Amino acid sequence: MPYIKKEDRLKFSELLAVLEKEPINSAGELNYLLTMIVHKYLNQKPENYQSYNDAIGALEGCKIELYRRHISDYEDTKQKENGDV
């Protein structure tokens, strides 16, 4: 996860406040939101390899950070509960 400065996070506070009030109810809704954010980013950038690579890299970084911070702990707990494979 890119740990951006607190003052740089402020511009997203209204958007995040809306997401706090409105639940994301399905994987489809989550996919839609992520897709729209990436499209917004790409519409502000030149159409070139670097822009596409940056978007893919950000999504991959999100995936890795989710695994690192949440899923690996869950998997470790389940391994202890159920035994190793």
Protein backbone atom coordinates (compact mmCIF):
# COMPACT_ATOMS: atom_id res chain seq x y z
CA MET A 1 0.00 0.00 0.00
CA PRO A 2 1.37 3.40 -0.80
CA TYR A 3 1.53 5.14 2.52
CA ILE A 4 0.92 8.65 1.23
CA LYS A 5 1.19 11.65 3.51
CA LYS A 6 -1.82 12.46 5.66
CA GLU A 7 -2.29 15.84 3.98
CA ASP A 8 -2.39 14.10 0.57
CA ARG A 9 -5.20 11.85 1.82
CA LEU A 10 -7.49 14.80 2.54
CA LYS A 11 -8.62 15.18 -1.07
CA PHE A 12 -10.22 11.74 -0.85
CA SER A 13 -12.01 12.26 2.47
CA GLU A 14 -15.41 13.07 0.94
CA LEU A 15 -15.27 10.05 -1.34
CA LEU A 16 -14.33 7.80 1.56
CA ALA A 17 -17.11 9.31 3.70
CA VAL A 18 -19.66 8.28 1.05
CA LEU A 19 -18.22 4.75 1.04
CA GLU A 20 -18.61 4.64 4.83
CA LYS A 21 -22.34 5.42 4.49
CA GLU A 22 -23.09 3.23 1.49
CA PRO A 23 -22.12 -0.42 1.83
CA ILE A 24 -20.43 -2.28 -1.01
CA ASN A 25 -22.75 -5.26 -1.24
CA SER A 26 -21.11 -7.57 -3.73
CA ALA A 27 -17.94 -8.47 -5.56
CA GLY A 28 -19.57 -6.97 -8.65
CA GLU A 29 -20.00 -3.61 -6.92
CA LEU A 30 -16.42 -3.73 -5.66
CA ASN A 31 -15.19 -4.56 -9.16
CA TYR A 32 -17.25 -1.71 -10.61
CA LEU A 33 -15.82 0.82 -8.15
CA LEU A 34 -12.24 -0.28 -8.71
CA THR A 35 -12.74 -0.24 -12.48
CA MET A 36 -14.22 3.26 -12.43
CA ILE A 37 -11.33 4.55 -10.30
CA VAL A 38 -8.79 3.06 -12.70
CA HIS A 39 -10.68 4.51 -15.68
CA LYS A 40 -10.67 7.93 -13.99
CA TYR A 41 -6.92 7.67 -13.50
CA LEU A 42 -6.30 6.54 -17.08
CA ASN A 43 -8.50 9.29 -18.53
CA GLN A 44 -6.17 11.82 -16.87
CA LYS A 45 -3.01 10.26 -18.29
CA PRO A 46 -1.61 9.87 -21.81
CA GLU A 47 -2.50 6.61 -23.50
CA ASN A 48 0.79 4.81 -23.37
CA TYR A 49 2.47 1.78 -21.88
CA GLN A 50 3.59 3.67 -18.78
CA SER A 51 0.05 4.71 -17.81
CA TYR A 52 -1.31 1.20 -18.29
CA ASN A 53 1.66 -0.26 -16.42
CA ASP A 54 1.14 2.18 -13.55
CA ALA A 55 -2.54 1.19 -13.26
CA ILE A 56 -1.79 -2.54 -13.34
CA GLY A 57 1.04 -2.03 -10.85
CA ALA A 58 -1.24 -0.16 -8.45
CA LEU A 59 -3.87 -2.93 -8.65
CA GLU A 60 -1.22 -5.60 -8.12
CA GLY A 61 0.15 -3.66 -5.15
CA CYS A 62 -3.34 -3.52 -3.64
CA LYS A 63 -3.68 -7.27 -4.06
CA ILE A 64 -0.32 -7.98 -2.46
CA GLU A 65 -0.99 -5.60 0.44
CA LEU A 66 -4.39 -7.19 1.09
CA TYR A 67 -2.74 -10.60 1.21
CA ARG A 68 0.13 -9.39 3.40
CA ARG A 69 -2.01 -7.57 5.95
CA HIS A 70 -5.11 -9.75 6.14
CA ILE A 71 -5.19 -13.01 4.22
CA SER A 72 -1.86 -14.46 5.36
CA ASP A 73 -2.92 -14.12 9.03
CA TYR A 74 -6.24 -15.80 8.21
CA GLU A 75 -4.43 -18.63 6.40
CA ASP A 76 -2.04 -19.11 9.34
CA THR A 77 -4.99 -19.35 11.73
CA LYS A 78 -6.73 -21.92 9.54
CA GLN A 79 -3.53 -23.93 9.21
CA LYS A 80 -3.26 -24.12 13.02
CA GLU A 81 -6.94 -25.08 13.33
CA ASN A 82 -6.99 -27.69 10.58
CA GLY A 83 -3.39 -28.82 10.26
CA ASP A 84 -0.94 -28.37 7.43
CA VAL A 85 -1.57 -29.93 4.02
